[in-house]
Amino acid sequence: MKAEQYLRDQGVAFEHHTHTPVYTAQELAAEEHVPGRDVAKTVIVKADDAFAMCVLPASFKLDLNKVAQALGAERCRLADESEMAELFPDVEIGAEPPFGTLYGIPTLVDIHLAEEDRIVFASDSHREAIAMKYADYARLSGPRVADFSVHL
């Protein structure tokens, strides 16, 4: 549990929850009984020749054109499963925690998520979640905030 250990090491207050397996951020919101806007969905993109972590509310979808613009890239696409497995060898694919810094990947947070007081996110597996203050998350992850999503 890399994310949980990282938060402990940093002395940050958080809640850890175990639940039945869920595979989407909206399912996580339902399982945790929180609105989709409070769940941080992690999406990995390849912008030109570099990977970036995009973190947005579960109730929003990524706009790759906006992501490319925010990153100053000509091309932007979603990372595929083999790339994800290589980038995140210690977590289940699709359950990447929103800490790009732990993996040497720049992090971009959507402006809509940055407005929330608390966020919930998958913690390395499809059966675990962490809830914490957004301000603590932002302090630890040092993300760049941009508008790169569209509400579902």
C-alpha atoms as a PDB file:
ATOM      1  CA  MET A   1       0.000   0.000   0.000  1.00  0.00           C
ATOM      2  CA  LYS A   2       2.303   2.651  -1.276  1.00  0.00           C
ATOM      3  CA  ALA A   3      -0.151   5.607  -1.056  1.00  0.00           C
ATOM      4  CA  GLU A   4      -1.239   4.801   2.474  1.00  0.00           C
ATOM      5  CA  GLN A   5       2.361   4.394   3.649  1.00  0.00           C
ATOM      6  CA  TYR A   6       3.335   7.639   1.930  1.00  0.00           C
ATOM      7  CA  LEU A   7       0.582   9.541   3.764  1.00  0.00           C
ATOM      8  CA  ARG A   8       1.629   7.980   7.078  1.00  0.00           C
ATOM      9  CA  ASP A   9       5.257   8.913   6.436  1.00  0.00           C
ATOM     10  CA  GLN A  10       4.183  12.495   5.710  1.00  0.00           C
ATOM     11  CA  GLY A  11       2.090  12.694   8.899  1.00  0.00           C
ATOM     12  CA  VAL A  12      -1.096  13.517   7.001  1.00  0.00           C
ATOM     13  CA  ALA A  13      -4.539  12.759   8.433  1.00  0.00           C
ATOM     14  CA  PHE A  14      -6.595  10.420   6.242  1.00  0.00           C
ATOM     15  CA  GLU A  15      -9.177   7.670   6.403  1.00  0.00           C
ATOM     16  CA  HIS A  16      -8.583   4.252   4.871  1.00  0.00           C
ATOM     17  CA  HIS A  17     -11.609   2.223   3.759  1.00  0.00           C
ATOM     18  CA  THR A  18     -11.892  -1.347   2.510  1.00  0.00           C
ATOM     19  CA  HIS A  19     -14.890  -2.198   0.327  1.00  0.00           C
ATOM     20  CA  THR A  20     -16.119  -4.631  -2.289  1.00  0.00           C
ATOM     21  CA  PRO A  21     -14.152  -4.388  -5.561  1.00  0.00           C
ATOM     22  CA  VAL A  22     -15.086  -1.445  -7.812  1.00  0.00           C
ATOM     23  CA  TYR A  23     -13.596  -0.671 -11.195  1.00  0.00           C
ATOM     24  CA  THR A  24     -14.694   2.869 -12.013  1.00  0.00           C
ATOM     25  CA  ALA A  25     -14.496   6.132 -10.112  1.00  0.00           C
ATOM     26  CA  GLN A  26     -18.292   6.489 -10.210  1.00  0.00           C
ATOM     27  CA  GLU A  27     -18.625   3.012  -8.654  1.00  0.00           C
ATOM     28  CA  LEU A  28     -16.170   4.118  -5.974  1.00  0.00           C
ATOM     29  CA  ALA A  29     -18.338   7.181  -5.292  1.00  0.00           C
ATOM     30  CA  ALA A  30     -21.390   4.953  -4.859  1.00  0.00           C
ATOM     31  CA  GLU A  31     -19.518   2.490  -2.634  1.00  0.00           C
ATOM     32  CA  GLU A  32     -18.141   5.311  -0.466  1.00  0.00           C
ATOM     33  CA  HIS A  33     -21.504   7.152  -0.404  1.00  0.00           C
ATOM     34  CA  VAL A  34     -20.035  10.422  -1.676  1.00  0.00           C
ATOM     35  CA  PRO A  35     -20.856  12.570  -4.724  1.00  0.00           C
ATOM     36  CA  GLY A  36     -18.849  11.875  -7.873  1.00  0.00           C
ATOM     37  CA  ARG A  37     -17.379  15.373  -7.700  1.00  0.00           C
ATOM     38  CA  ASP A  38     -15.531  14.336  -4.500  1.00  0.00           C
ATOM     39  CA  VAL A  39     -13.863  11.256  -6.009  1.00  0.00           C
ATOM     40  CA  ALA A  40     -10.478  11.864  -7.607  1.00  0.00           C
ATOM     41  CA  LYS A  41     -10.214   9.855 -10.823  1.00  0.00           C
ATOM     42  CA  THR A  42      -6.674   9.270 -12.061  1.00  0.00           C
ATOM     43  CA  VAL A  43      -6.097   9.148 -15.824  1.00  0.00           C
ATOM     44  CA  ILE A  44      -2.653   8.731 -17.366  1.00  0.00           C
ATOM     45  CA  VAL A  45      -1.935  10.392 -20.694  1.00  0.00           C
ATOM     46  CA  LYS A  46       1.021  10.511 -23.006  1.00  0.00           C
ATOM     47  CA  ALA A  47       1.555  14.098 -24.100  1.00  0.00           C
ATOM     48  CA  ASP A  48       4.025  14.162 -26.981  1.00  0.00           C
ATOM     49  CA  ASP A  49       6.765  11.877 -25.594  1.00  0.00           C
ATOM     50  CA  ALA A  50       6.103  12.179 -21.862  1.00  0.00           C
ATOM     51  CA  PHE A  51       3.533  10.734 -19.487  1.00  0.00           C
ATOM     52  CA  ALA A  52       1.404  12.909 -17.229  1.00  0.00           C
ATOM     53  CA  MET A  53      -1.124  12.137 -14.520  1.00  0.00           C
ATOM     54  CA  CYS A  54      -4.484  13.871 -14.831  1.00  0.00           C
ATOM     55  CA  VAL A  55      -6.673  13.927 -11.728  1.00  0.00           C
ATOM     56  CA  LEU A  56     -10.307  14.947 -12.127  1.00  0.00           C
ATOM     57  CA  PRO A  57     -13.681  14.391 -10.462  1.00  0.00           C
ATOM     58  CA  ALA A  58     -15.375  11.056 -11.190  1.00  0.00           C
ATOM     59  CA  SER A  59     -18.420  12.898 -12.535  1.00  0.00           C
ATOM     60  CA  PHE A  60     -16.333  14.596 -15.253  1.00  0.00           C
ATOM     61  CA  LYS A  61     -14.594  13.283 -18.357  1.00  0.00           C
ATOM     62  CA  LEU A  62     -11.192  14.155 -19.699  1.00  0.00           C
ATOM     63  CA  ASP A  63     -10.943  16.477 -22.714  1.00  0.00           C
ATOM     64  CA  LEU A  64      -7.688  15.461 -24.420  1.00  0.00           C
ATOM     65  CA  ASN A  65      -7.526  18.721 -26.402  1.00  0.00           C
ATOM     66  CA  LYS A  66      -7.690  20.732 -23.164  1.00  0.00           C
ATOM     67  CA  VAL A  67      -5.072  18.444 -21.571  1.00  0.00           C
ATOM     68  CA  ALA A  68      -2.719  18.941 -24.532  1.00  0.00           C
ATOM     69  CA  GLN A  69      -3.211  22.684 -24.294  1.00  0.00           C
ATOM     70  CA  ALA A  70      -2.589  22.699 -20.515  1.00  0.00           C
ATOM     71  CA  LEU A  71       0.602  20.673 -21.003  1.00  0.00           C
ATOM     72  CA  GLY A  72       1.778  22.598 -24.059  1.00  0.00           C
ATOM     73  CA  ALA A  73       1.769  19.405 -26.118  1.00  0.00           C
ATOM     74  CA  GLU A  74       1.010  18.887 -29.798  1.00  0.00           C
ATOM     75  CA  ARG A  75      -0.349  15.360 -29.318  1.00  0.00           C
ATOM     76  CA  CYS A  76      -2.085  13.768 -26.372  1.00  0.00           C
ATOM     77  CA  ARG A  77      -3.527  10.288 -25.954  1.00  0.00           C
ATOM     78  CA  LEU A  78      -4.560   7.941 -23.162  1.00  0.00           C
ATOM     79  CA  ALA A  79      -1.871   5.566 -21.911  1.00  0.00           C
ATOM     80  CA  ASP A  80      -2.576   1.924 -22.728  1.00  0.00           C
ATOM     81  CA  GLU A  81      -2.669  -0.943 -20.223  1.00  0.00           C
ATOM     82  CA  SER A  82       0.868  -2.144 -20.955  1.00  0.00           C
ATOM     83  CA  GLU A  83       2.219   1.368 -20.357  1.00  0.00           C
ATOM     84  CA  MET A  84       0.192   1.604 -17.146  1.00  0.00           C
ATOM     85  CA  ALA A  85       1.573  -1.724 -15.901  1.00  0.00           C
ATOM     86  CA  GLU A  86       5.113  -0.504 -16.550  1.00  0.00           C
ATOM     87  CA  LEU A  87       4.549   2.900 -14.906  1.00  0.00           C
ATOM     88  CA  PHE A  88       2.736   1.502 -11.849  1.00  0.00           C
ATOM     89  CA  PRO A  89       4.144  -1.986 -11.181  1.00  0.00           C
ATOM     90  CA  ASP A  90       3.031  -1.982  -7.534  1.00  0.00           C
ATOM     91  CA  VAL A  91      -0.687  -1.165  -8.006  1.00  0.00           C
ATOM     92  CA  GLU A  92      -3.645  -2.748  -9.762  1.00  0.00           C
ATOM     93  CA  ILE A  93      -4.269  -1.249 -13.214  1.00  0.00           C
ATOM     94  CA  GLY A  94      -7.064   1.278 -12.885  1.00  0.00           C
ATOM     95  CA  ALA A  95      -6.455   1.888  -9.167  1.00  0.00           C
ATOM     96  CA  GLU A  96      -3.531   4.303  -9.416  1.00  0.00           C
ATOM     97  CA  PRO A  97      -3.421   6.780  -6.530  1.00  0.00           C
ATOM     98  CA  PRO A  98      -3.330  10.455  -7.580  1.00  0.00           C
ATOM     99  CA  PHE A  99       0.285  11.007  -6.528  1.00  0.00           C
ATOM    100  CA  GLY A 100       2.345  11.330  -9.692  1.00  0.00           C
ATOM    101  CA  THR A 101       5.277  12.441  -7.547  1.00  0.00           C
ATOM    102  CA  LEU A 102       5.583   8.879  -6.213  1.00  0.00           C
ATOM    103  CA  TYR A 103       6.241   7.703  -9.766  1.00  0.00           C
ATOM    104  CA  GLY A 104       8.170  10.644 -11.231  1.00  0.00           C
ATOM    105  CA  ILE A 105       5.171  11.743 -13.308  1.00  0.00           C
ATOM    106  CA  PRO A 106       3.935  15.360 -13.382  1.00  0.00           C
ATOM    107  CA  THR A 107       0.434  15.795 -11.989  1.00  0.00           C
ATOM    108  CA  LEU A 108      -2.306  17.970 -13.441  1.00  0.00           C
ATOM    109  CA  VAL A 109      -5.440  18.493 -11.303  1.00  0.00           C
ATOM    110  CA  ASP A 110      -8.687  19.683 -12.795  1.00  0.00           C
ATOM    111  CA  ILE A 111      -9.947  22.989 -11.445  1.00  0.00           C
ATOM    112  CA  HIS A 112     -13.276  21.407 -10.488  1.00  0.00           C
ATOM    113  CA  LEU A 113     -11.609  18.907  -8.144  1.00  0.00           C
ATOM    114  CA  ALA A 114      -9.426  21.635  -6.634  1.00  0.00           C
ATOM    115  CA  GLU A 115     -12.619  23.310  -5.361  1.00  0.00           C
ATOM    116  CA  GLU A 116     -13.473  20.377  -3.061  1.00  0.00           C
ATOM    117  CA  ASP A 117     -12.696  20.300   0.665  1.00  0.00           C
ATOM    118  CA  ARG A 118     -12.201  16.518   0.789  1.00  0.00           C
ATOM    119  CA  ILE A 119     -11.373  13.955  -1.850  1.00  0.00           C
ATOM    120  CA  VAL A 120     -11.665  10.185  -2.023  1.00  0.00           C
ATOM    121  CA  PHE A 121      -9.521   8.028  -4.296  1.00  0.00           C
ATOM    122  CA  ALA A 122      -8.519   4.448  -5.031  1.00  0.00           C
ATOM    123  CA  SER A 123      -5.565   3.351  -2.959  1.00  0.00           C
ATOM    124  CA  ASP A 124      -3.488   0.938  -5.029  1.00  0.00           C
ATOM    125  CA  SER A 125      -6.281  -1.658  -5.427  1.00  0.00           C
ATOM    126  CA  HIS A 126      -9.913  -1.908  -6.478  1.00  0.00           C
ATOM    127  CA  ARG A 127     -10.855  -2.779  -2.872  1.00  0.00           C
ATOM    128  CA  GLU A 128      -9.346   0.143  -0.968  1.00  0.00           C
ATOM    129  CA  ALA A 129      -9.925   3.867  -0.805  1.00  0.00           C
ATOM    130  CA  ILE A 130      -8.473   6.856   0.981  1.00  0.00           C
ATOM    131  CA  ALA A 131     -10.339   9.994   2.031  1.00  0.00           C
ATOM    132  CA  MET A 132      -8.392  13.132   2.913  1.00  0.00           C
ATOM    133  CA  LYS A 133      -8.456  16.930   2.772  1.00  0.00           C
ATOM    134  CA  TYR A 134      -7.811  18.308  -0.700  1.00  0.00           C
ATOM    135  CA  ALA A 135      -5.473  20.937   0.795  1.00  0.00           C
ATOM    136  CA  ASP A 136      -3.229  18.175   2.207  1.00  0.00           C
ATOM    137  CA  TYR A 137      -3.304  16.353  -1.126  1.00  0.00           C
ATOM    138  CA  ALA A 138      -2.317  19.528  -3.003  1.00  0.00           C
ATOM    139  CA  ARG A 139       0.491  20.285  -0.555  1.00  0.00           C
ATOM    140  CA  LEU A 140       1.959  16.790  -0.960  1.00  0.00           C
ATOM    141  CA  SER A 141       1.471  16.321  -4.688  1.00  0.00           C
ATOM    142  CA  GLY A 142       2.235  19.850  -5.884  1.00  0.00           C
ATOM    143  CA  PRO A 143      -0.066  19.572  -8.906  1.00  0.00           C
ATOM    144  CA  ARG A 144      -0.593  22.119 -11.603  1.00  0.00           C
ATOM    145  CA  VAL A 145      -4.272  23.118 -11.623  1.00  0.00           C
ATOM    146  CA  ALA A 146      -5.999  23.588 -14.990  1.00  0.00           C
ATOM    147  CA  ASP A 147      -9.426  23.323 -16.619  1.00  0.00           C
ATOM    148  CA  PHE A 148      -9.261  20.128 -18.698  1.00  0.00           C
ATOM    149  CA  SER A 149     -12.520  18.258 -18.139  1.00  0.00           C
ATOM    150  CA  VAL A 150     -16.161  18.306 -19.113  1.00  0.00           C
ATOM    151  CA  HIS A 151     -19.047  17.408 -16.791  1.00  0.00           C
ATOM    152  CA  LEU A 152     -20.779  14.150 -17.702  1.00  0.00           C
END
